[in-house]
Amino acid sequence: MTFSPSELDKLAALACLDISREERERLGGELARILDFVRQLENGATDEVEPLTHPLELSQPLRADVVAEPVDRERYQRDAPRTESGYYLVPRVIE
């Protein structure tokens, strides 16, 4: 795959890069090689590969989900500017 100078200029503008003509020619070739490599990866046989949740077989030790201390809502809301029925009232920011 090859890129025209206008395509490379558009990509450079999208990436906020200021590249010279020499850099543009070099980067165009490198970008074409990268995309060719990605195309090769797409052809890999993955039909019998199970999806992974993590690349390493690790287990996450989790603590027990127990209440450590009771919530004293009245104490926490005492310093709040405005509350109503146990909820914090905040100014409307989206109209």
PDB file of N, CA and C in Angstrom:
ATOM      1  N   MET A   1       0.848  -1.168   0.000  1.00  0.00           N
ATOM      2  CA  MET A   1       0.000   0.000   0.000  1.00  0.00           C
ATOM      3  C   MET A   1       0.896   1.234   0.000  1.00  0.00           C
ATOM      4  N   THR A   2       0.557   2.178  -0.807  1.00  0.00           N
ATOM      5  CA  THR A   2       1.297   3.436  -0.841  1.00  0.00           C
ATOM      6  C   THR A   2       0.352   4.585  -0.547  1.00  0.00           C
ATOM      7  N   PHE A   3       0.934   5.647  -0.061  1.00  0.00           N
ATOM      8  CA  PHE A   3       0.161   6.829   0.293  1.00  0.00           C
ATOM      9  C   PHE A   3       0.585   7.990  -0.589  1.00  0.00           C
ATOM     10  N   SER A   4      -0.385   8.746  -1.040  1.00  0.00           N
ATOM     11  CA  SER A   4      -0.083   9.934  -1.832  1.00  0.00           C
ATOM     12  C   SER A   4       0.380  11.035  -0.888  1.00  0.00           C
ATOM     13  N   PRO A   5       1.116  12.021  -1.406  1.00  0.00           N
ATOM     14  CA  PRO A   5       1.547  13.133  -0.554  1.00  0.00           C
ATOM     15  C   PRO A   5       0.379  13.849   0.116  1.00  0.00           C
ATOM     16  N   SER A   6      -0.750  13.965  -0.592  1.00  0.00           N
ATOM     17  CA  SER A   6      -1.891  14.646   0.020  1.00  0.00           C
ATOM     18  C   SER A   6      -2.469  13.826   1.175  1.00  0.00           C
ATOM     19  N   GLU A   7      -2.476  12.483   1.036  1.00  0.00           N
ATOM     20  CA  GLU A   7      -2.952  11.637   2.129  1.00  0.00           C
ATOM     21  C   GLU A   7      -2.036  11.760   3.351  1.00  0.00           C
ATOM     22  N   LEU A   8      -0.737  11.787   3.097  1.00  0.00           N
ATOM     23  CA  LEU A   8       0.212  11.921   4.198  1.00  0.00           C
ATOM     24  C   LEU A   8       0.092  13.294   4.855  1.00  0.00           C
ATOM     25  N   ASP A   9      -0.142  14.326   4.057  1.00  0.00           N
ATOM     26  CA  ASP A   9      -0.343  15.659   4.630  1.00  0.00           C
ATOM     27  C   ASP A   9      -1.588  15.684   5.505  1.00  0.00           C
ATOM     28  N   LYS A  10      -2.654  15.010   5.042  1.00  0.00           N
ATOM     29  CA  LYS A  10      -3.894  14.969   5.817  1.00  0.00           C
ATOM     30  C   LYS A  10      -3.679  14.216   7.129  1.00  0.00           C
ATOM     31  N   LEU A  11      -2.959  13.069   7.073  1.00  0.00           N
ATOM     32  CA  LEU A  11      -2.659  12.311   8.286  1.00  0.00           C
ATOM     33  C   LEU A  11      -1.803  13.123   9.246  1.00  0.00           C
ATOM     34  N   ALA A  12      -0.813  13.837   8.712  1.00  0.00           N
ATOM     35  CA  ALA A  12       0.044  14.657   9.556  1.00  0.00           C
ATOM     36  C   ALA A  12      -0.762  15.767  10.220  1.00  0.00           C
ATOM     37  N   ALA A  13      -1.680  16.364   9.483  1.00  0.00           N
ATOM     38  CA  ALA A  13      -2.517  17.421  10.062  1.00  0.00           C
ATOM     39  C   ALA A  13      -3.414  16.853  11.160  1.00  0.00           C
ATOM     40  N   LEU A  14      -3.978  15.664  10.934  1.00  0.00           N
ATOM     41  CA  LEU A  14      -4.821  15.046  11.948  1.00  0.00           C
ATOM     42  C   LEU A  14      -4.029  14.709  13.209  1.00  0.00           C
ATOM     43  N   ALA A  15      -2.763  14.349  13.026  1.00  0.00           N
ATOM     44  CA  ALA A  15      -1.908  14.017  14.168  1.00  0.00           C
ATOM     45  C   ALA A  15      -1.191  15.240  14.716  1.00  0.00           C
ATOM     46  N   CYS A  16      -1.479  16.411  14.149  1.00  0.00           N
ATOM     47  CA  CYS A  16      -0.840  17.669  14.570  1.00  0.00           C
ATOM     48  C   CYS A  16       0.683  17.577  14.462  1.00  0.00           C
ATOM     49  N   LEU A  17       1.161  17.038  13.338  1.00  0.00           N
ATOM     50  CA  LEU A  17       2.590  16.917  13.088  1.00  0.00           C
ATOM     51  C   LEU A  17       3.000  17.856  11.965  1.00  0.00           C
ATOM     52  N   ASP A  18       4.153  18.458  12.120  1.00  0.00           N
ATOM     53  CA  ASP A  18       4.721  19.295  11.070  1.00  0.00           C
ATOM     54  C   ASP A  18       5.916  18.530  10.510  1.00  0.00           C
ATOM     55  N   ILE A  19       5.737  17.918   9.316  1.00  0.00           N
ATOM     56  CA  ILE A  19       6.799  17.077   8.768  1.00  0.00           C
ATOM     57  C   ILE A  19       7.295  17.659   7.446  1.00  0.00           C
ATOM     58  N   SER A  20       8.586  17.449   7.215  1.00  0.00           N
ATOM     59  CA  SER A  20       9.194  17.940   5.969  1.00  0.00           C
ATOM     60  C   SER A  20       8.923  16.938   4.848  1.00  0.00           C
ATOM     61  N   ARG A  21       9.318  17.305   3.623  1.00  0.00           N
ATOM     62  CA  ARG A  21       9.110  16.426   2.465  1.00  0.00           C
ATOM     63  C   ARG A  21       9.885  15.121   2.642  1.00  0.00           C
ATOM     64  N   GLU A  22      11.134  15.212   3.123  1.00  0.00           N
ATOM     65  CA  GLU A  22      11.949  14.005   3.329  1.00  0.00           C
ATOM     66  C   GLU A  22      11.332  13.099   4.387  1.00  0.00           C
ATOM     67  N   GLU A  23      10.867  13.714   5.469  1.00  0.00           N
ATOM     68  CA  GLU A  23      10.224  12.927   6.517  1.00  0.00           C
ATOM     69  C   GLU A  23       8.937  12.299   6.004  1.00  0.00           C
ATOM     70  N   ARG A  24       8.200  13.029   5.195  1.00  0.00           N
ATOM     71  CA  ARG A  24       6.938  12.526   4.667  1.00  0.00           C
ATOM     72  C   ARG A  24       7.186  11.285   3.814  1.00  0.00           C
ATOM     73  N   GLU A  25       8.213  11.304   2.983  1.00  0.00           N
ATOM     74  CA  GLU A  25       8.507  10.137   2.142  1.00  0.00           C
ATOM     75  C   GLU A  25       8.926   8.942   2.992  1.00  0.00           C
ATOM     76  N   ARG A  26       9.758   9.186   4.007  1.00  0.00           N
ATOM     77  CA  ARG A  26      10.226   8.105   4.874  1.00  0.00           C
ATOM     78  C   ARG A  26       9.059   7.549   5.701  1.00  0.00           C
ATOM     79  N   LEU A  27       8.267   8.445   6.287  1.00  0.00           N
ATOM     80  CA  LEU A  27       7.147   8.004   7.115  1.00  0.00           C
ATOM     81  C   LEU A  27       6.073   7.300   6.292  1.00  0.00           C
ATOM     82  N   GLY A  28       5.898   7.718   5.047  1.00  0.00           N
ATOM     83  CA  GLY A  28       4.933   7.048   4.179  1.00  0.00           C
ATOM     84  C   GLY A  28       5.300   5.592   3.969  1.00  0.00           C
ATOM     85  N   GLY A  29       6.595   5.333   3.740  1.00  0.00           N
ATOM     86  CA  GLY A  29       7.055   3.952   3.571  1.00  0.00           C
ATOM     87  C   GLY A  29       6.900   3.144   4.846  1.00  0.00           C
ATOM     88  N   GLU A  30       7.241   3.753   5.981  1.00  0.00           N
ATOM     89  CA  GLU A  30       7.110   3.053   7.258  1.00  0.00           C
ATOM     90  C   GLU A  30       5.651   2.745   7.573  1.00  0.00           C
ATOM     91  N   LEU A  31       4.785   3.707   7.316  1.00  0.00           N
ATOM     92  CA  LEU A  31       3.363   3.499   7.563  1.00  0.00           C
ATOM     93  C   LEU A  31       2.805   2.384   6.678  1.00  0.00           C
ATOM     94  N   ALA A  32       3.238   2.341   5.440  1.00  0.00           N
ATOM     95  CA  ALA A  32       2.797   1.283   4.526  1.00  0.00           C
ATOM     96  C   ALA A  32       3.251  -0.079   5.032  1.00  0.00           C
ATOM     97  N   ARG A  33       4.494  -0.187   5.528  1.00  0.00           N
ATOM     98  CA  ARG A  33       4.983  -1.465   6.066  1.00  0.00           C
ATOM     99  C   ARG A  33       4.194  -1.880   7.308  1.00  0.00           C
ATOM    100  N   ILE A  34       3.862  -0.905   8.164  1.00  0.00           N
ATOM    101  CA  ILE A  34       3.080  -1.224   9.367  1.00  0.00           C
ATOM    102  C   ILE A  34       1.711  -1.762   8.972  1.00  0.00           C
ATOM    103  N   LEU A  35       1.060  -1.104   8.041  1.00  0.00           N
ATOM    104  CA  LEU A  35      -0.272  -1.552   7.625  1.00  0.00           C
ATOM    105  C   LEU A  35      -0.222  -2.908   6.921  1.00  0.00           C
ATOM    106  N   ASP A  36       0.845  -3.173   6.164  1.00  0.00           N
ATOM    107  CA  ASP A  36       1.002  -4.492   5.546  1.00  0.00           C
ATOM    108  C   ASP A  36       1.154  -5.573   6.621  1.00  0.00           C
ATOM    109  N   PHE A  37       1.900  -5.250   7.683  1.00  0.00           N
ATOM    110  CA  PHE A  37       2.076  -6.208   8.778  1.00  0.00           C
ATOM    111  C   PHE A  37       0.740  -6.474   9.469  1.00  0.00           C
ATOM    112  N   VAL A  38      -0.042  -5.442   9.697  1.00  0.00           N
ATOM    113  CA  VAL A  38      -1.360  -5.618  10.319  1.00  0.00           C
ATOM    114  C   VAL A  38      -2.242  -6.483   9.429  1.00  0.00           C
ATOM    115  N   ARG A  39      -2.161  -6.281   8.138  1.00  0.00           N
ATOM    116  CA  ARG A  39      -2.930  -7.089   7.199  1.00  0.00           C
ATOM    117  C   ARG A  39      -2.524  -8.564   7.308  1.00  0.00           C
ATOM    118  N   GLN A  40      -1.227  -8.834   7.489  1.00  0.00           N
ATOM    119  CA  GLN A  40      -0.769 -10.213   7.668  1.00  0.00           C
ATOM    120  C   GLN A  40      -1.336 -10.806   8.956  1.00  0.00           C
ATOM    121  N   LEU A  41      -1.398 -10.003  10.015  1.00  0.00           N
ATOM    122  CA  LEU A  41      -1.934 -10.498  11.280  1.00  0.00           C
ATOM    123  C   LEU A  41      -3.405 -10.854  11.153  1.00  0.00           C
ATOM    124  N   GLU A  42      -4.135 -10.107  10.338  1.00  0.00           N
ATOM    125  CA  GLU A  42      -5.556 -10.386  10.145  1.00  0.00           C
ATOM    126  C   GLU A  42      -5.787 -11.753   9.511  1.00  0.00           C
ATOM    127  N   ASN A  43      -4.794 -12.283   8.803  1.00  0.00           N
ATOM    128  CA  ASN A  43      -4.940 -13.570   8.129  1.00  0.00           C
ATOM    129  C   ASN A  43      -4.620 -14.752   9.030  1.00  0.00           C
ATOM    130  N   GLY A  44      -4.215 -14.489  10.274  1.00  0.00           N
ATOM    131  CA  GLY A  44      -3.882 -15.574  11.198  1.00  0.00           C
ATOM    132  C   GLY A  44      -5.122 -16.366  11.570  1.00  0.00           C
ATOM    133  N   ALA A  45      -4.942 -17.680  11.713  1.00  0.00           N
ATOM    134  CA  ALA A  45      -6.063 -18.564  12.064  1.00  0.00           C
ATOM    135  C   ALA A  45      -6.333 -18.433  13.554  1.00  0.00           C
ATOM    136  N   THR A  46      -7.485 -17.898  13.897  1.00  0.00           N
ATOM    137  CA  THR A  46      -7.857 -17.725  15.302  1.00  0.00           C
ATOM    138  C   THR A  46      -9.201 -18.374  15.617  1.00  0.00           C
ATOM    139  N   ASP A  47      -9.664 -19.249  14.743  1.00  0.00           N
ATOM    140  CA  ASP A  47     -10.985 -19.857  14.919  1.00  0.00           C
ATOM    141  C   ASP A  47     -11.098 -20.668  16.205  1.00  0.00           C
ATOM    142  N   GLU A  48     -10.037 -21.362  16.582  1.00  0.00           N
ATOM    143  CA  GLU A  48     -10.115 -22.242  17.744  1.00  0.00           C
ATOM    144  C   GLU A  48      -9.440 -21.643  18.970  1.00  0.00           C
ATOM    145  N   VAL A  49      -9.209 -20.346  18.965  1.00  0.00           N
ATOM    146  CA  VAL A  49      -8.577 -19.685  20.102  1.00  0.00           C
ATOM    147  C   VAL A  49      -9.668 -19.094  20.979  1.00  0.00           C
ATOM    148  N   GLU A  50      -9.651 -19.472  22.254  1.00  0.00           N
ATOM    149  CA  GLU A  50     -10.635 -18.951  23.199  1.00  0.00           C
ATOM    150  C   GLU A  50     -10.262 -17.522  23.585  1.00  0.00           C
ATOM    151  N   PRO A  51     -11.237 -16.635  23.701  1.00  0.00           N
ATOM    152  CA  PRO A  51     -10.946 -15.270  24.127  1.00  0.00           C
ATOM    153  C   PRO A  51     -10.399 -15.253  25.555  1.00  0.00           C
ATOM    154  N   LEU A  52      -9.500 -14.320  25.811  1.00  0.00           N
ATOM    155  CA  LEU A  52      -8.894 -14.187  27.129  1.00  0.00           C
ATOM    156  C   LEU A  52      -9.432 -12.961  27.845  1.00  0.00           C
ATOM    157  N   THR A  53      -9.569 -13.066  29.150  1.00  0.00           N
ATOM    158  CA  THR A  53      -9.879 -11.873  29.933  1.00  0.00           C
ATOM    159  C   THR A  53      -8.594 -11.188  30.357  1.00  0.00           C
ATOM    160  N   HIS A  54      -7.494 -11.930  30.351  1.00  0.00           N
ATOM    161  CA  HIS A  54      -6.182 -11.397  30.723  1.00  0.00           C
ATOM    162  C   HIS A  54      -5.139 -12.264  30.046  1.00  0.00           C
ATOM    163  N   PRO A  55      -4.020 -11.688  29.577  1.00  0.00           N
ATOM    164  CA  PRO A  55      -3.028 -12.504  28.883  1.00  0.00           C
ATOM    165  C   PRO A  55      -2.323 -13.511  29.789  1.00  0.00           C
ATOM    166  N   LEU A  56      -2.336 -13.292  31.086  1.00  0.00           N
ATOM    167  CA  LEU A  56      -1.727 -14.225  32.034  1.00  0.00           C
ATOM    168  C   LEU A  56      -2.834 -14.866  32.866  1.00  0.00           C
ATOM    169  N   GLU A  57      -2.631 -16.111  33.226  1.00  0.00           N
ATOM    170  CA  GLU A  57      -3.636 -16.795  34.041  1.00  0.00           C
ATOM    171  C   GLU A  57      -3.416 -16.423  35.496  1.00  0.00           C
ATOM    172  N   LEU A  58      -4.019 -15.335  35.911  1.00  0.00           N
ATOM    173  CA  LEU A  58      -3.893 -14.849  37.276  1.00  0.00           C
ATOM    174  C   LEU A  58      -5.262 -14.851  37.932  1.00  0.00           C
ATOM    175  N   SER A  59      -5.272 -14.958  39.235  1.00  0.00           N
ATOM    176  CA  SER A  59      -6.528 -14.805  39.952  1.00  0.00           C
ATOM    177  C   SER A  59      -6.403 -13.585  40.842  1.00  0.00           C
ATOM    178  N   GLN A  60      -7.482 -12.878  40.994  1.00  0.00           N
ATOM    179  CA  GLN A  60      -7.500 -11.663  41.800  1.00  0.00           C
ATOM    180  C   GLN A  60      -8.016 -12.022  43.188  1.00  0.00           C
ATOM    181  N   PRO A  61      -7.149 -11.924  44.207  1.00  0.00           N
ATOM    182  CA  PRO A  61      -7.662 -12.201  45.547  1.00  0.00           C
ATOM    183  C   PRO A  61      -8.585 -11.065  45.989  1.00  0.00           C
ATOM    184  N   LEU A  62      -9.793 -11.409  46.319  1.00  0.00           N
ATOM    185  CA  LEU A  62     -10.767 -10.408  46.719  1.00  0.00           C
ATOM    186  C   LEU A  62     -11.064 -10.558  48.203  1.00  0.00           C
ATOM    187  N   ARG A  63     -11.235  -9.434  48.861  1.00  0.00           N
ATOM    188  CA  ARG A  63     -11.609  -9.473  50.276  1.00  0.00           C
ATOM    189  C   ARG A  63     -13.109  -9.726  50.373  1.00  0.00           C
ATOM    190  N   ALA A  64     -13.516 -10.152  51.526  1.00  0.00           N
ATOM    191  CA  ALA A  64     -14.943 -10.382  51.757  1.00  0.00           C
ATOM    192  C   ALA A  64     -15.674  -9.046  51.728  1.00  0.00           C
ATOM    193  N   ASP A  65     -16.852  -9.050  51.145  1.00  0.00           N
ATOM    194  CA  ASP A  65     -17.653  -7.832  51.044  1.00  0.00           C
ATOM    195  C   ASP A  65     -18.548  -7.728  52.278  1.00  0.00           C
ATOM    196  N   VAL A  66     -17.962  -7.150  53.330  1.00  0.00           N
ATOM    197  CA  VAL A  66     -18.709  -7.019  54.582  1.00  0.00           C
ATOM    198  C   VAL A  66     -18.705  -5.551  54.991  1.00  0.00           C
ATOM    199  N   VAL A  67     -19.713  -5.152  55.743  1.00  0.00           N
ATOM    200  CA  VAL A  67     -19.812  -3.782  56.230  1.00  0.00           C
ATOM    201  C   VAL A  67     -18.775  -3.595  57.328  1.00  0.00           C
ATOM    202  N   ALA A  68     -17.882  -2.612  57.158  1.00  0.00           N
ATOM    203  CA  ALA A  68     -16.840  -2.367  58.139  1.00  0.00           C
ATOM    204  C   ALA A  68     -17.335  -1.438  59.245  1.00  0.00           C
ATOM    205  N   GLU A  69     -18.146  -0.475  58.873  1.00  0.00           N
ATOM    206  CA  GLU A  69     -18.713   0.436  59.866  1.00  0.00           C
ATOM    207  C   GLU A  69     -20.051   0.929  59.333  1.00  0.00           C
ATOM    208  N   PRO A  70     -20.974   1.214  60.195  1.00  0.00           N
ATOM    209  CA  PRO A  70     -22.280   1.694  59.722  1.00  0.00           C
ATOM    210  C   PRO A  70     -22.167   3.114  59.170  1.00  0.00           C
ATOM    211  N   VAL A  71     -23.033   3.451  58.243  1.00  0.00           N
ATOM    212  CA  VAL A  71     -23.046   4.777  57.642  1.00  0.00           C
ATOM    213  C   VAL A  71     -23.892   5.695  58.520  1.00  0.00           C
ATOM    214  N   ASP A  72     -23.269   6.752  59.003  1.00  0.00           N
ATOM    215  CA  ASP A  72     -23.975   7.736  59.817  1.00  0.00           C
ATOM    216  C   ASP A  72     -24.318   8.917  58.913  1.00  0.00           C
ATOM    217  N   ARG A  73     -25.405   8.758  58.157  1.00  0.00           N
ATOM    218  CA  ARG A  73     -25.787   9.745  57.154  1.00  0.00           C
ATOM    219  C   ARG A  73     -25.949  11.140  57.762  1.00  0.00           C
ATOM    220  N   GLU A  74     -26.556  11.216  58.907  1.00  0.00           N
ATOM    221  CA  GLU A  74     -26.780  12.526  59.538  1.00  0.00           C
ATOM    222  C   GLU A  74     -25.456  13.227  59.816  1.00  0.00           C
ATOM    223  N   ARG A  75     -24.485  12.492  60.298  1.00  0.00           N
ATOM    224  CA  ARG A  75     -23.171  13.084  60.592  1.00  0.00           C
ATOM    225  C   ARG A  75     -22.482  13.559  59.314  1.00  0.00           C
ATOM    226  N   TYR A  76     -22.547  12.748  58.246  1.00  0.00           N
ATOM    227  CA  TYR A  76     -21.871  13.108  56.997  1.00  0.00           C
ATOM    228  C   TYR A  76     -22.549  14.291  56.314  1.00  0.00           C
ATOM    229  N   GLN A  77     -23.856  14.402  56.448  1.00  0.00           N
ATOM    230  CA  GLN A  77     -24.568  15.475  55.765  1.00  0.00           C
ATOM    231  C   GLN A  77     -24.660  16.756  56.595  1.00  0.00           C
ATOM    232  N   ARG A  78     -24.184  16.717  57.803  1.00  0.00           N
ATOM    233  CA  ARG A  78     -24.262  17.881  58.676  1.00  0.00           C
ATOM    234  C   ARG A  78     -23.567  19.103  58.069  1.00  0.00           C
ATOM    235  N   ASP A  79     -22.441  18.907  57.399  1.00  0.00           N
ATOM    236  CA  ASP A  79     -21.676  20.020  56.825  1.00  0.00           C
ATOM    237  C   ASP A  79     -22.043  20.327  55.375  1.00  0.00           C
ATOM    238  N   ALA A  80     -22.936  19.562  54.797  1.00  0.00           N
ATOM    239  CA  ALA A  80     -23.328  19.797  53.402  1.00  0.00           C
ATOM    240  C   ALA A  80     -24.167  21.075  53.313  1.00  0.00           C
ATOM    241  N   PRO A  81     -23.978  21.857  52.242  1.00  0.00           N
ATOM    242  CA  PRO A  81     -24.754  23.092  52.101  1.00  0.00           C
ATOM    243  C   PRO A  81     -26.259  22.847  52.047  1.00  0.00           C
ATOM    244  N   ARG A  82     -26.697  21.811  51.290  1.00  0.00           N
ATOM    245  CA  ARG A  82     -28.134  21.548  51.163  1.00  0.00           C
ATOM    246  C   ARG A  82     -28.365  20.039  51.069  1.00  0.00           C
ATOM    247  N   THR A  83     -29.322  19.560  51.829  1.00  0.00           N
ATOM    248  CA  THR A  83     -29.740  18.156  51.751  1.00  0.00           C
ATOM    249  C   THR A  83     -31.255  18.106  51.850  1.00  0.00           C
ATOM    250  N   GLU A  84     -31.790  17.000  51.362  1.00  0.00           N
ATOM    251  CA  GLU A  84     -33.233  16.793  51.462  1.00  0.00           C
ATOM    252  C   GLU A  84     -33.510  15.300  51.408  1.00  0.00           C
ATOM    253  N   SER A  85     -34.211  14.796  52.397  1.00  0.00           N
ATOM    254  CA  SER A  85     -34.604  13.380  52.471  1.00  0.00           C
ATOM    255  C   SER A  85     -33.399  12.457  52.341  1.00  0.00           C
ATOM    256  N   GLY A  86     -32.275  12.844  52.912  1.00  0.00           N
ATOM    257  CA  GLY A  86     -31.078  12.003  52.876  1.00  0.00           C
ATOM    258  C   GLY A  86     -30.234  12.147  51.620  1.00  0.00           C
ATOM    259  N   TYR A  87     -30.593  13.048  50.715  1.00  0.00           N
ATOM    260  CA  TYR A  87     -29.842  13.253  49.475  1.00  0.00           C
ATOM    261  C   TYR A  87     -29.115  14.590  49.521  1.00  0.00           C
ATOM    262  N   TYR A  88     -27.974  14.665  48.853  1.00  0.00           N
ATOM    263  CA  TYR A  88     -27.263  15.928  48.701  1.00  0.00           C
ATOM    264  C   TYR A  88     -27.896  16.693  47.547  1.00  0.00           C
ATOM    265  N   LEU A  89     -28.188  17.959  47.741  1.00  0.00           N
ATOM    266  CA  LEU A  89     -28.748  18.786  46.686  1.00  0.00           C
ATOM    267  C   LEU A  89     -27.607  19.613  46.078  1.00  0.00           C
ATOM    268  N   VAL A  90     -27.502  19.574  44.763  1.00  0.00           N
ATOM    269  CA  VAL A  90     -26.440  20.295  44.063  1.00  0.00           C
ATOM    270  C   VAL A  90     -27.060  21.213  43.026  1.00  0.00           C
ATOM    271  N   PRO A  91     -26.359  22.293  42.655  1.00  0.00           N
ATOM    272  CA  PRO A  91     -26.922  23.187  41.646  1.00  0.00           C
ATOM    273  C   PRO A  91     -27.032  22.495  40.287  1.00  0.00           C
ATOM    274  N   ARG A  92     -28.042  22.852  39.545  1.00  0.00           N
ATOM    275  CA  ARG A  92     -28.237  22.316  38.200  1.00  0.00           C
ATOM    276  C   ARG A  92     -27.168  22.916  37.287  1.00  0.00           C
ATOM    277  N   VAL A  93     -26.480  22.055  36.512  1.00  0.00           N
ATOM    278  CA  VAL A  93     -25.432  22.544  35.625  1.00  0.00           C
ATOM    279  C   VAL A  93     -25.774  22.357  34.156  1.00  0.00           C
ATOM    280  N   ILE A  94     -26.755  21.532  33.860  1.00  0.00           N
ATOM    281  CA  ILE A  94     -27.174  21.311  32.478  1.00  0.00           C
ATOM    282  C   ILE A  94     -28.631  21.745  32.362  1.00  0.00           C
ATOM    283  N   GLU A  95     -28.898  22.597  31.400  1.00  0.00           N
ATOM    284  CA  GLU A  95     -30.267  23.064  31.230  1.00  0.00           C
ATOM    285  C   GLU A  95     -30.922  22.417  30.037  1.00  0.00           C
TER     286      GLU A  95
END
